[in-house]
Amino acid sequence: MVLKNLRQIVAKTIIAKGKKRTEDEVKLKPPNSPTSILGCWVINHTHQAKKNGKYVEVSGKFDVNVWYSHHDHCKTSVFTESVPYRDRIRLHYRDEPTSAHEEVIVSVIQHPNCTEAVISDCGEKFCIKVERELLAEVVGETKICVTVHPHSNFEEEWSYNDESSSHHHGHGQSHGHHREHEVKGAGHGHEHKKGKDT
């Protein structure tokens, strides 16, 4: 391989990835001492991310809704609280970046989801276990080496059949006129001949 025929192309690609699954225990205190938990769900998940060295730091929040009974099962209420979180995702590089222009993309594999909801031993709080899983990707510039063919008249090989055709539309019209003149000429000659007979 001749080195002078090598060229470097700078292209955008995913140069690093990281994934993290987290399970947190959230403790919430409702205004009324709970008797039992009737249901729990997590909604309104939002997040933003930034790169810090070889990590992606994700800041997010979600709302926890707990439907519970209180006053010795005489009343029910829904308690809602917004819970913030911070995740630090370690990046694994496949290609080292060639410039400082990088884009961080965070995808949610598993939105925050309640896996367990119980009343604490003191009887005044909810102990909620929430799991989530995030995927971080870094898009940056990398270099690709390609070989340049030295001949400009190089034709790439393709598997196709050669086809050729000739168009005779103009010739056909010319032949038609010529034959028409011949017929007309023959006709005139025939008439002249008949005149001679008479």
N, C-alpha and C. Protein backbone atom coordinates (compact mmCIF):
# COMPACT_ATOMS: atom_id res chain seq x y z
N MET A 1 0.84 -1.19 0.00
CA MET A 1 0.00 0.00 0.00
C MET A 1 0.88 1.25 0.00
N VAL A 2 0.63 2.18 -0.93
CA VAL A 2 1.40 3.40 -1.02
C VAL A 2 0.81 4.43 -0.07
N LEU A 3 1.66 4.96 0.82
CA LEU A 3 1.14 5.87 1.84
C LEU A 3 0.60 7.16 1.25
N LYS A 4 1.17 7.59 0.10
CA LYS A 4 0.71 8.84 -0.48
C LYS A 4 -0.72 8.73 -1.02
N ASN A 5 -1.22 7.50 -1.17
CA ASN A 5 -2.59 7.31 -1.64
C ASN A 5 -3.60 7.22 -0.50
N LEU A 6 -3.14 7.39 0.73
CA LEU A 6 -4.05 7.36 1.88
C LEU A 6 -4.57 8.75 2.17
N ARG A 7 -5.86 8.81 2.54
CA ARG A 7 -6.49 10.07 2.94
C ARG A 7 -7.23 9.85 4.25
N GLN A 8 -7.33 10.89 5.05
CA GLN A 8 -8.06 10.83 6.31
C GLN A 8 -9.35 11.62 6.17
N ILE A 9 -10.44 10.98 6.57
CA ILE A 9 -11.75 11.61 6.55
C ILE A 9 -12.22 11.77 8.00
N VAL A 10 -12.68 12.96 8.34
CA VAL A 10 -13.21 13.21 9.68
C VAL A 10 -14.73 13.04 9.62
N ALA A 11 -15.26 12.12 10.46
CA ALA A 11 -16.69 11.80 10.45
C ALA A 11 -17.23 11.80 11.87
N LYS A 12 -18.54 12.04 11.96
CA LYS A 12 -19.21 11.98 13.27
C LYS A 12 -19.67 10.55 13.53
N THR A 13 -19.42 10.09 14.75
CA THR A 13 -19.82 8.73 15.11
C THR A 13 -19.97 8.65 16.62
N ILE A 14 -20.53 7.56 17.11
CA ILE A 14 -20.63 7.34 18.55
C ILE A 14 -19.27 6.84 19.03
N ILE A 15 -18.63 7.62 19.87
CA ILE A 15 -17.28 7.28 20.31
C ILE A 15 -17.26 6.70 21.72
N ALA A 16 -18.36 6.84 22.47
CA ALA A 16 -18.38 6.32 23.84
C ALA A 16 -19.81 6.01 24.25
N LYS A 17 -19.94 5.00 25.12
CA LYS A 17 -21.24 4.61 25.65
C LYS A 17 -21.11 4.27 27.13
N GLY A 18 -22.25 4.38 27.82
CA GLY A 18 -22.30 3.99 29.22
C GLY A 18 -23.74 3.69 29.61
N LYS A 19 -23.92 2.77 30.52
CA LYS A 19 -25.26 2.37 30.95
C LYS A 19 -25.26 2.18 32.46
N LYS A 20 -26.36 2.59 33.08
CA LYS A 20 -26.44 2.45 34.53
C LYS A 20 -27.87 2.16 34.95
N ARG A 21 -28.00 1.15 35.81
CA ARG A 21 -29.28 0.80 36.41
C ARG A 21 -29.20 1.15 37.90
N THR A 22 -30.21 1.87 38.38
CA THR A 22 -30.20 2.35 39.76
C THR A 22 -31.51 1.97 40.45
N GLU A 23 -31.38 1.59 41.71
CA GLU A 23 -32.56 1.35 42.55
C GLU A 23 -32.40 2.17 43.82
N ASP A 24 -33.30 3.12 44.01
CA ASP A 24 -33.27 4.00 45.17
C ASP A 24 -34.45 3.71 46.09
N GLU A 25 -34.24 4.01 47.36
CA GLU A 25 -35.35 3.97 48.31
C GLU A 25 -35.73 5.40 48.67
N VAL A 26 -36.95 5.74 48.41
CA VAL A 26 -37.45 7.08 48.66
C VAL A 26 -38.38 7.04 49.87
N LYS A 27 -38.15 7.95 50.81
CA LYS A 27 -39.01 8.02 52.00
C LYS A 27 -39.83 9.30 51.94
N LEU A 28 -41.14 9.12 51.99
CA LEU A 28 -42.07 10.24 51.89
C LEU A 28 -42.96 10.28 53.13
N LYS A 29 -43.27 11.49 53.57
CA LYS A 29 -44.12 11.64 54.75
C LYS A 29 -45.41 12.34 54.37
N PRO A 30 -46.54 11.63 54.36
CA PRO A 30 -47.82 12.26 54.02
C PRO A 30 -48.35 13.08 55.20
N PRO A 31 -49.37 13.91 54.97
CA PRO A 31 -49.92 14.73 56.06
C PRO A 31 -50.69 13.91 57.10
N ASN A 32 -51.18 12.74 56.71
CA ASN A 32 -51.90 11.87 57.63
C ASN A 32 -51.14 10.56 57.82
N SER A 33 -51.16 10.04 59.00
CA SER A 33 -50.49 8.77 59.25
C SER A 33 -51.18 7.67 58.47
N PRO A 34 -50.45 6.97 57.60
CA PRO A 34 -51.11 5.98 56.73
C PRO A 34 -51.48 4.71 57.50
N THR A 35 -52.63 4.15 57.10
CA THR A 35 -53.05 2.86 57.63
C THR A 35 -52.64 1.74 56.69
N SER A 36 -52.81 1.98 55.39
CA SER A 36 -52.40 0.99 54.38
C SER A 36 -52.14 1.72 53.06
N ILE A 37 -51.36 1.08 52.20
CA ILE A 37 -51.08 1.61 50.87
C ILE A 37 -51.94 0.87 49.86
N LEU A 38 -52.71 1.64 49.11
CA LEU A 38 -53.63 1.05 48.13
C LEU A 38 -53.02 1.03 46.71
N GLY A 39 -52.06 1.85 46.47
CA GLY A 39 -51.43 1.88 45.14
C GLY A 39 -50.32 2.90 45.10
N CYS A 40 -49.37 2.70 44.18
CA CYS A 40 -48.26 3.64 44.02
C CYS A 40 -47.81 3.63 42.56
N TRP A 41 -47.61 4.80 41.99
CA TRP A 41 -47.13 4.90 40.62
C TRP A 41 -46.23 6.12 40.48
N VAL A 42 -45.33 6.05 39.50
CA VAL A 42 -44.35 7.10 39.25
C VAL A 42 -44.59 7.68 37.86
N ILE A 43 -44.68 9.02 37.78
CA ILE A 43 -44.97 9.69 36.50
C ILE A 43 -44.10 10.94 36.36
N ASN A 44 -44.25 11.58 35.19
CA ASN A 44 -43.62 12.89 34.91
C ASN A 44 -42.10 12.86 35.08
N HIS A 45 -41.46 11.91 34.43
CA HIS A 45 -40.00 11.82 34.51
C HIS A 45 -39.36 12.77 33.51
N THR A 46 -38.47 13.63 33.98
CA THR A 46 -37.70 14.52 33.12
C THR A 46 -36.23 14.45 33.54
N HIS A 47 -35.33 14.74 32.59
CA HIS A 47 -33.91 14.70 32.92
C HIS A 47 -33.11 15.55 31.94
N GLN A 48 -31.92 15.92 32.35
CA GLN A 48 -30.95 16.60 31.50
C GLN A 48 -29.56 16.08 31.85
N ALA A 49 -28.64 16.20 30.90
CA ALA A 49 -27.33 15.59 31.10
C ALA A 49 -26.22 16.50 30.60
N LYS A 50 -25.04 16.30 31.17
CA LYS A 50 -23.83 16.99 30.71
C LYS A 50 -22.64 16.06 30.93
N LYS A 51 -21.62 16.25 30.10
CA LYS A 51 -20.42 15.41 30.19
C LYS A 51 -19.41 16.06 31.12
N ASN A 52 -18.82 15.23 31.97
CA ASN A 52 -17.80 15.70 32.88
C ASN A 52 -16.66 14.67 32.88
N GLY A 53 -15.62 14.94 32.10
CA GLY A 53 -14.54 13.99 31.97
C GLY A 53 -14.99 12.72 31.27
N LYS A 54 -14.76 11.58 31.90
CA LYS A 54 -15.20 10.31 31.33
C LYS A 54 -16.50 9.83 31.97
N TYR A 55 -17.30 10.79 32.41
CA TYR A 55 -18.61 10.48 33.00
C TYR A 55 -19.66 11.40 32.37
N VAL A 56 -20.91 10.92 32.40
CA VAL A 56 -22.05 11.75 32.06
C VAL A 56 -22.88 11.91 33.32
N GLU A 57 -23.11 13.14 33.70
CA GLU A 57 -23.88 13.42 34.90
C GLU A 57 -25.31 13.77 34.50
N VAL A 58 -26.25 13.00 35.03
CA VAL A 58 -27.67 13.16 34.70
C VAL A 58 -28.40 13.71 35.92
N SER A 59 -29.11 14.79 35.70
CA SER A 59 -29.96 15.37 36.75
C SER A 59 -31.41 15.23 36.30
N GLY A 60 -32.23 14.65 37.14
CA GLY A 60 -33.63 14.43 36.77
C GLY A 60 -34.55 14.49 37.97
N LYS A 61 -35.82 14.31 37.68
CA LYS A 61 -36.82 14.27 38.75
C LYS A 61 -38.04 13.50 38.25
N PHE A 62 -38.84 13.03 39.18
CA PHE A 62 -40.08 12.32 38.86
C PHE A 62 -41.05 12.54 40.01
N ASP A 63 -42.33 12.31 39.72
CA ASP A 63 -43.38 12.45 40.73
C ASP A 63 -43.80 11.08 41.22
N VAL A 64 -43.88 10.93 42.53
CA VAL A 64 -44.36 9.69 43.15
C VAL A 64 -45.77 9.96 43.69
N ASN A 65 -46.71 9.13 43.27
CA ASN A 65 -48.09 9.23 43.73
C ASN A 65 -48.43 7.99 44.56
N VAL A 66 -48.90 8.21 45.77
CA VAL A 66 -49.26 7.10 46.66
C VAL A 66 -50.73 7.26 47.06
N TRP A 67 -51.48 6.25 46.73
CA TRP A 67 -52.88 6.21 47.15
C TRP A 67 -52.93 5.37 48.44
N TYR A 68 -53.43 5.98 49.51
CA TYR A 68 -53.36 5.29 50.79
C TYR A 68 -54.62 5.58 51.61
N SER A 69 -54.84 4.73 52.62
CA SER A 69 -55.95 4.94 53.57
C SER A 69 -55.37 5.44 54.89
N HIS A 70 -56.19 6.18 55.60
CA HIS A 70 -55.77 6.72 56.89
C HIS A 70 -56.99 6.83 57.81
N HIS A 71 -56.74 7.25 59.04
CA HIS A 71 -57.79 7.29 60.07
C HIS A 71 -58.48 5.93 60.18
N ASP A 72 -57.62 4.91 60.33
CA ASP A 72 -58.09 3.55 60.55
C ASP A 72 -59.04 3.08 59.44
N HIS A 73 -58.56 3.27 58.20
CA HIS A 73 -59.27 2.83 56.98
C HIS A 73 -60.60 3.56 56.75
N CYS A 74 -60.77 4.71 57.40
CA CYS A 74 -62.03 5.44 57.21
C CYS A 74 -61.96 6.41 56.02
N LYS A 75 -60.76 6.85 55.64
CA LYS A 75 -60.61 7.81 54.55
C LYS A 75 -59.45 7.37 53.65
N THR A 76 -59.52 7.84 52.42
CA THR A 76 -58.42 7.59 51.48
C THR A 76 -57.97 8.92 50.87
N SER A 77 -56.71 8.99 50.52
CA SER A 77 -56.13 10.18 49.89
C SER A 77 -55.02 9.76 48.94
N VAL A 78 -54.66 10.69 48.07
CA VAL A 78 -53.52 10.49 47.18
C VAL A 78 -52.46 11.53 47.54
N PHE A 79 -51.30 11.04 47.87
CA PHE A 79 -50.18 11.93 48.22
C PHE A 79 -49.19 11.95 47.07
N THR A 80 -48.80 13.17 46.66
CA THR A 80 -47.87 13.34 45.53
C THR A 80 -46.68 14.18 45.97
N GLU A 81 -45.51 13.72 45.56
CA GLU A 81 -44.29 14.50 45.85
C GLU A 81 -43.30 14.32 44.72
N SER A 82 -42.64 15.42 44.36
CA SER A 82 -41.61 15.39 43.31
C SER A 82 -40.27 15.01 43.94
N VAL A 83 -39.60 14.05 43.31
CA VAL A 83 -38.34 13.52 43.86
C VAL A 83 -37.22 13.78 42.86
N PRO A 84 -36.18 14.52 43.26
CA PRO A 84 -35.02 14.73 42.37
C PRO A 84 -34.02 13.59 42.50
N TYR A 85 -33.18 13.44 41.48
CA TYR A 85 -32.11 12.44 41.55
C TYR A 85 -30.93 12.88 40.70
N ARG A 86 -29.78 12.30 40.97
CA ARG A 86 -28.57 12.52 40.18
C ARG A 86 -27.89 11.17 39.92
N ASP A 87 -27.58 10.92 38.67
CA ASP A 87 -26.88 9.70 38.29
C ASP A 87 -25.57 10.07 37.61
N ARG A 88 -24.54 9.29 37.88
CA ARG A 88 -23.23 9.48 37.25
C ARG A 88 -22.91 8.22 36.46
N ILE A 89 -22.90 8.35 35.14
CA ILE A 89 -22.72 7.20 34.26
C ILE A 89 -21.30 7.20 33.71
N ARG A 90 -20.57 6.13 33.95
CA ARG A 90 -19.20 6.01 33.45
C ARG A 90 -19.22 5.68 31.96
N LEU A 91 -18.36 6.35 31.20
CA LEU A 91 -18.29 6.16 29.76
C LEU A 91 -17.18 5.18 29.41
N HIS A 92 -17.44 4.36 28.39
CA HIS A 92 -16.45 3.43 27.86
C HIS A 92 -16.18 3.84 26.42
N TYR A 93 -14.95 4.27 26.17
CA TYR A 93 -14.59 4.81 24.86
C TYR A 93 -14.13 3.70 23.93
N ARG A 94 -14.60 3.77 22.69
CA ARG A 94 -14.09 2.91 21.63
C ARG A 94 -13.09 3.68 20.78
N ASP A 95 -13.39 4.94 20.51
CA ASP A 95 -12.47 5.82 19.78
C ASP A 95 -12.22 7.06 20.62
N GLU A 96 -10.97 7.47 20.67
CA GLU A 96 -10.66 8.71 21.37
C GLU A 96 -11.12 9.89 20.51
N PRO A 97 -11.69 10.91 21.10
CA PRO A 97 -12.17 12.06 20.31
C PRO A 97 -11.02 12.83 19.68
N THR A 98 -11.26 13.39 18.50
CA THR A 98 -10.24 14.18 17.81
C THR A 98 -10.51 15.67 17.95
N SER A 99 -11.63 16.05 18.55
CA SER A 99 -11.93 17.45 18.78
C SER A 99 -12.76 17.57 20.05
N ALA A 100 -12.96 18.81 20.47
CA ALA A 100 -13.71 19.05 21.71
C ALA A 100 -15.22 19.14 21.45
N HIS A 101 -15.63 19.05 20.18
CA HIS A 101 -17.06 19.17 19.86
C HIS A 101 -17.72 17.80 20.04
N GLU A 102 -18.40 17.64 21.17
CA GLU A 102 -19.05 16.37 21.48
C GLU A 102 -20.50 16.63 21.87
N GLU A 103 -21.34 15.67 21.54
CA GLU A 103 -22.77 15.76 21.85
C GLU A 103 -23.15 14.58 22.74
N VAL A 104 -23.85 14.87 23.83
CA VAL A 104 -24.26 13.84 24.78
C VAL A 104 -25.73 13.52 24.56
N ILE A 105 -26.02 12.24 24.40
CA ILE A 105 -27.40 11.77 24.22
C ILE A 105 -27.70 10.76 25.32
N VAL A 106 -28.75 11.00 26.08
CA VAL A 106 -29.17 10.09 27.14
C VAL A 106 -30.54 9.52 26.78
N SER A 107 -30.61 8.20 26.68
CA SER A 107 -31.86 7.50 26.39
C SER A 107 -32.32 6.75 27.64
N VAL A 108 -33.63 6.69 27.80
CA VAL A 108 -34.20 6.01 28.96
C VAL A 108 -34.54 4.58 28.58
N ILE A 109 -33.84 3.63 29.17
CA ILE A 109 -34.18 2.22 28.96
C ILE A 109 -35.35 1.82 29.84
N GLN A 110 -35.32 2.27 31.08
CA GLN A 110 -36.41 1.99 32.02
C GLN A 110 -36.73 3.28 32.77
N HIS A 111 -37.93 3.81 32.54
CA HIS A 111 -38.36 4.99 33.29
C HIS A 111 -38.48 4.63 34.77
N PRO A 112 -38.34 5.61 35.66
CA PRO A 112 -38.50 5.32 37.08
C PRO A 112 -39.82 4.59 37.35
N ASN A 113 -39.69 3.47 38.05
CA ASN A 113 -40.83 2.59 38.26
C ASN A 113 -40.81 2.09 39.70
N CYS A 114 -41.99 2.06 40.31
CA CYS A 114 -42.10 1.60 41.69
C CYS A 114 -42.05 0.06 41.72
N THR A 115 -41.12 -0.47 42.50
CA THR A 115 -41.02 -1.92 42.66
C THR A 115 -41.53 -2.39 44.02
N GLU A 116 -41.59 -1.47 44.98
CA GLU A 116 -42.07 -1.85 46.31
C GLU A 116 -42.52 -0.59 47.06
N ALA A 117 -43.61 -0.70 47.77
CA ALA A 117 -44.13 0.42 48.56
C ALA A 117 -44.67 -0.13 49.88
N VAL A 118 -44.06 0.28 50.98
CA VAL A 118 -44.47 -0.18 52.32
C VAL A 118 -44.51 1.02 53.25
N ILE A 119 -45.15 0.80 54.39
CA ILE A 119 -45.18 1.81 55.45
C ILE A 119 -43.99 1.57 56.38
N SER A 120 -43.33 2.63 56.76
CA SER A 120 -42.14 2.51 57.61
C SER A 120 -42.51 1.97 59.00
N ASP A 121 -41.49 1.57 59.74
CA ASP A 121 -41.72 1.00 61.08
C ASP A 121 -42.34 2.02 62.02
N CYS A 122 -42.00 3.28 61.81
CA CYS A 122 -42.58 4.29 62.69
C CYS A 122 -44.06 4.55 62.40
N GLY A 123 -44.51 4.10 61.23
CA GLY A 123 -45.92 4.23 60.88
C GLY A 123 -46.32 5.58 60.33
N GLU A 124 -45.34 6.44 60.01
CA GLU A 124 -45.67 7.79 59.54
C GLU A 124 -45.17 8.07 58.12
N LYS A 125 -44.36 7.18 57.56
CA LYS A 125 -43.77 7.44 56.25
C LYS A 125 -44.00 6.28 55.29
N PHE A 126 -43.84 6.62 54.01
CA PHE A 126 -43.83 5.60 52.96
C PHE A 126 -42.37 5.30 52.60
N CYS A 127 -42.06 4.04 52.45
CA CYS A 127 -40.75 3.62 51.93
C CYS A 127 -40.98 3.05 50.53
N ILE A 128 -40.56 3.83 49.54
CA ILE A 128 -40.82 3.48 48.14
C ILE A 128 -39.51 3.11 47.47
N LYS A 129 -39.44 1.95 46.84
CA LYS A 129 -38.28 1.55 46.05
C LYS A 129 -38.56 1.86 44.58
N VAL A 130 -37.66 2.63 43.98
CA VAL A 130 -37.81 3.07 42.59
C VAL A 130 -36.59 2.64 41.81
N GLU A 131 -36.82 1.98 40.68
CA GLU A 131 -35.72 1.58 39.81
C GLU A 131 -35.80 2.33 38.49
N ARG A 132 -34.64 2.55 37.90
CA ARG A 132 -34.53 3.22 36.59
C ARG A 132 -33.25 2.75 35.92
N GLU A 133 -33.22 2.90 34.57
CA GLU A 133 -32.02 2.52 33.81
C GLU A 133 -31.84 3.49 32.67
N LEU A 134 -30.62 4.03 32.55
CA LEU A 134 -30.32 5.05 31.55
C LEU A 134 -29.14 4.61 30.69
N LEU A 135 -29.17 5.05 29.44
CA LEU A 135 -28.08 4.79 28.49
C LEU A 135 -27.54 6.12 28.01
N ALA A 136 -26.22 6.31 28.15
CA ALA A 136 -25.57 7.54 27.70
C ALA A 136 -24.69 7.24 26.50
N GLU A 137 -24.77 8.11 25.49
CA GLU A 137 -23.94 7.99 24.29
C GLU A 137 -23.29 9.34 24.00
N VAL A 138 -22.04 9.29 23.57
CA VAL A 138 -21.32 10.51 23.22
C VAL A 138 -21.01 10.46 21.72
N VAL A 139 -21.48 11.47 21.01
CA VAL A 139 -21.23 11.59 19.57
C VAL A 139 -20.09 12.59 19.38
N GLY A 140 -19.04 12.15 18.72
CA GLY A 140 -17.89 13.02 18.47
C GLY A 140 -17.30 12.77 17.10
N GLU A 141 -16.19 13.40 16.84
CA GLU A 141 -15.52 13.25 15.55
C GLU A 141 -14.40 12.23 15.66
N THR A 142 -14.27 11.42 14.63
CA THR A 142 -13.20 10.44 14.56
C THR A 142 -12.64 10.44 13.14
N LYS A 143 -11.45 9.87 12.97
CA LYS A 143 -10.80 9.85 11.67
C LYS A 143 -10.88 8.47 11.03
N ILE A 144 -11.17 8.47 9.73
CA ILE A 144 -11.24 7.24 8.95
C ILE A 144 -10.20 7.34 7.83
N CYS A 145 -9.40 6.30 7.65
CA CYS A 145 -8.40 6.27 6.58
C CYS A 145 -8.97 5.54 5.37
N VAL A 146 -8.84 6.15 4.20
CA VAL A 146 -9.30 5.53 2.96
C VAL A 146 -8.17 5.56 1.94
N THR A 147 -8.25 4.65 0.98
CA THR A 147 -7.26 4.59 -0.10
C THR A 147 -7.82 5.29 -1.33
N VAL A 148 -7.03 6.17 -1.90
CA VAL A 148 -7.43 6.90 -3.11
C VAL A 148 -6.77 6.23 -4.30
N HIS A 149 -7.59 5.88 -5.33
CA HIS A 149 -7.05 5.24 -6.53
C HIS A 149 -6.32 6.28 -7.37
N PRO A 150 -5.12 5.99 -7.80
CA PRO A 150 -4.32 7.02 -8.51
C PRO A 150 -4.83 7.32 -9.91
N HIS A 151 -5.58 6.43 -10.55
CA HIS A 151 -6.03 6.65 -11.92
C HIS A 151 -7.42 7.27 -11.92
N SER A 152 -7.55 8.34 -12.65
CA SER A 152 -8.84 9.04 -12.66
C SER A 152 -9.88 8.34 -13.53
N ASN A 153 -9.41 7.52 -14.50
CA ASN A 153 -10.35 6.85 -15.39
C ASN A 153 -10.73 5.47 -14.87
N PHE A 154 -10.61 5.28 -13.57
CA PHE A 154 -10.94 3.99 -12.98
C PHE A 154 -12.44 3.76 -13.04
N GLU A 155 -12.83 2.58 -13.51
CA GLU A 155 -14.25 2.24 -13.58
C GLU A 155 -14.54 1.12 -12.58
N GLU A 156 -15.51 1.38 -11.73
CA GLU A 156 -15.86 0.39 -10.72
C GLU A 156 -16.54 -0.80 -11.37
N GLU A 157 -16.24 -1.99 -10.87
CA GLU A 157 -16.83 -3.20 -11.44
C GLU A 157 -18.25 -3.39 -10.93
N TRP A 158 -19.15 -3.61 -11.87
CA TRP A 158 -20.55 -3.88 -11.54
C TRP A 158 -20.99 -5.11 -12.30
N SER A 159 -21.87 -5.88 -11.70
CA SER A 159 -22.38 -7.08 -12.37
C SER A 159 -23.65 -6.71 -13.13
N TYR A 160 -23.48 -6.22 -14.36
CA TYR A 160 -24.62 -5.92 -15.20
C TYR A 160 -24.29 -6.33 -16.63
N ASN A 161 -25.31 -6.53 -17.45
CA ASN A 161 -25.14 -6.92 -18.84
C ASN A 161 -25.10 -5.67 -19.72
N ASP A 162 -24.15 -5.67 -20.66
CA ASP A 162 -24.07 -4.55 -21.60
C ASP A 162 -25.28 -4.58 -22.54
N GLU A 163 -25.90 -3.43 -22.70
CA GLU A 163 -27.04 -3.34 -23.61
C GLU A 163 -26.75 -2.23 -24.61
N SER A 164 -27.03 -2.50 -25.89
CA SER A 164 -26.86 -1.47 -26.91
C SER A 164 -28.08 -1.50 -27.83
N SER A 165 -28.42 -0.34 -28.33
CA SER A 165 -29.57 -0.27 -29.24
C SER A 165 -29.33 0.87 -30.21
N SER A 166 -29.95 0.76 -31.41
CA SER A 166 -29.86 1.81 -32.43
C SER A 166 -31.25 2.32 -32.70
N HIS A 167 -31.37 3.63 -32.84
CA HIS A 167 -32.67 4.24 -33.13
C HIS A 167 -32.71 4.61 -34.61
N HIS A 168 -33.69 4.07 -35.36
CA HIS A 168 -33.77 4.28 -36.82
C HIS A 168 -34.99 5.10 -37.20
N HIS A 169 -35.47 5.90 -36.27
CA HIS A 169 -36.70 6.64 -36.58
C HIS A 169 -36.47 7.60 -37.74
N GLY A 170 -35.35 8.31 -37.72
CA GLY A 170 -35.08 9.24 -38.82
C GLY A 170 -34.83 8.52 -40.12
N HIS A 171 -34.08 7.40 -40.07
CA HIS A 171 -33.81 6.63 -41.29
C HIS A 171 -35.08 6.03 -41.84
N GLY A 172 -35.95 5.57 -40.97
CA GLY A 172 -37.20 4.96 -41.43
C GLY A 172 -38.04 5.95 -42.20
N GLN A 173 -38.06 7.22 -41.69
CA GLN A 173 -38.84 8.23 -42.39
C GLN A 173 -38.22 8.54 -43.74
N SER A 174 -36.87 8.54 -43.75
CA SER A 174 -36.19 8.82 -45.02
C SER A 174 -36.49 7.72 -46.03
N HIS A 175 -36.41 6.47 -45.57
CA HIS A 175 -36.73 5.36 -46.47
C HIS A 175 -38.16 5.48 -46.95
N GLY A 176 -39.04 5.86 -46.08
CA GLY A 176 -40.45 5.97 -46.48
C GLY A 176 -40.63 6.98 -47.58
N HIS A 177 -39.96 8.14 -47.46
CA HIS A 177 -40.07 9.16 -48.50
C HIS A 177 -39.48 8.65 -49.79
N HIS A 178 -38.35 7.97 -49.71
CA HIS A 178 -37.70 7.47 -50.91
C HIS A 178 -38.59 6.47 -51.64
N ARG A 179 -39.21 5.58 -50.85
CA ARG A 179 -40.09 4.58 -51.48
C ARG A 179 -41.31 5.26 -52.07
N GLU A 180 -41.74 6.31 -51.39
CA GLU A 180 -42.92 7.01 -51.92
C GLU A 180 -42.59 7.62 -53.27
N HIS A 181 -41.39 8.19 -53.38
CA HIS A 181 -41.00 8.78 -54.67
C HIS A 181 -40.89 7.71 -55.73
N GLU A 182 -40.39 6.53 -55.33
CA GLU A 182 -40.27 5.46 -56.30
C GLU A 182 -41.64 5.03 -56.82
N VAL A 183 -42.60 4.91 -55.92
CA VAL A 183 -43.94 4.49 -56.33
C VAL A 183 -44.55 5.53 -57.23
N LYS A 184 -44.34 6.82 -56.82
CA LYS A 184 -44.92 7.87 -57.65
C LYS A 184 -44.29 7.88 -59.03
N GLY A 185 -42.97 7.66 -59.04
CA GLY A 185 -42.28 7.63 -60.33
C GLY A 185 -42.78 6.50 -61.20
N ALA A 186 -42.98 5.35 -60.59
CA ALA A 186 -43.48 4.21 -61.35
C ALA A 186 -44.86 4.49 -61.88
N GLY A 187 -45.63 5.18 -61.09
CA GLY A 187 -47.00 5.48 -61.53
C GLY A 187 -46.99 6.39 -62.74
N HIS A 188 -46.15 7.43 -62.67
CA HIS A 188 -46.09 8.37 -63.79
C HIS A 188 -45.57 7.67 -65.04
N GLY A 189 -44.59 6.79 -64.84
CA GLY A 189 -44.05 6.07 -66.01
C GLY A 189 -45.10 5.17 -66.62
N HIS A 190 -45.91 4.57 -65.80
CA HIS A 190 -46.95 3.69 -66.29
C HIS A 190 -48.00 4.47 -67.07
N GLU A 191 -48.33 5.65 -66.57
CA GLU A 191 -49.31 6.47 -67.29
C GLU A 191 -48.74 6.89 -68.65
N HIS A 192 -47.49 7.26 -68.66
CA HIS A 192 -46.86 7.67 -69.90
C HIS A 192 -46.85 6.53 -70.89
N LYS A 193 -46.62 5.31 -70.35
CA LYS A 193 -46.60 4.13 -71.20
C LYS A 193 -47.98 3.90 -71.81
N LYS A 194 -49.00 4.09 -71.00
CA LYS A 194 -50.36 3.89 -71.50
C LYS A 194 -50.67 4.92 -72.54
N GLY A 195 -50.17 6.10 -72.38
CA GLY A 195 -50.39 7.12 -73.40
C GLY A 195 -49.77 6.74 -74.72
N LYS A 196 -48.62 6.10 -74.62
CA LYS A 196 -47.95 5.67 -75.83
C LYS A 196 -48.77 4.62 -76.55
N ASP A 197 -49.37 3.70 -75.83
CA ASP A 197 -50.15 2.62 -76.45
C ASP A 197 -51.34 3.20 -77.18
N THR A 198 -51.89 4.25 -76.51
CA THR A 198 -53.08 4.81 -77.14
C THR A 198 -52.63 5.68 -78.28
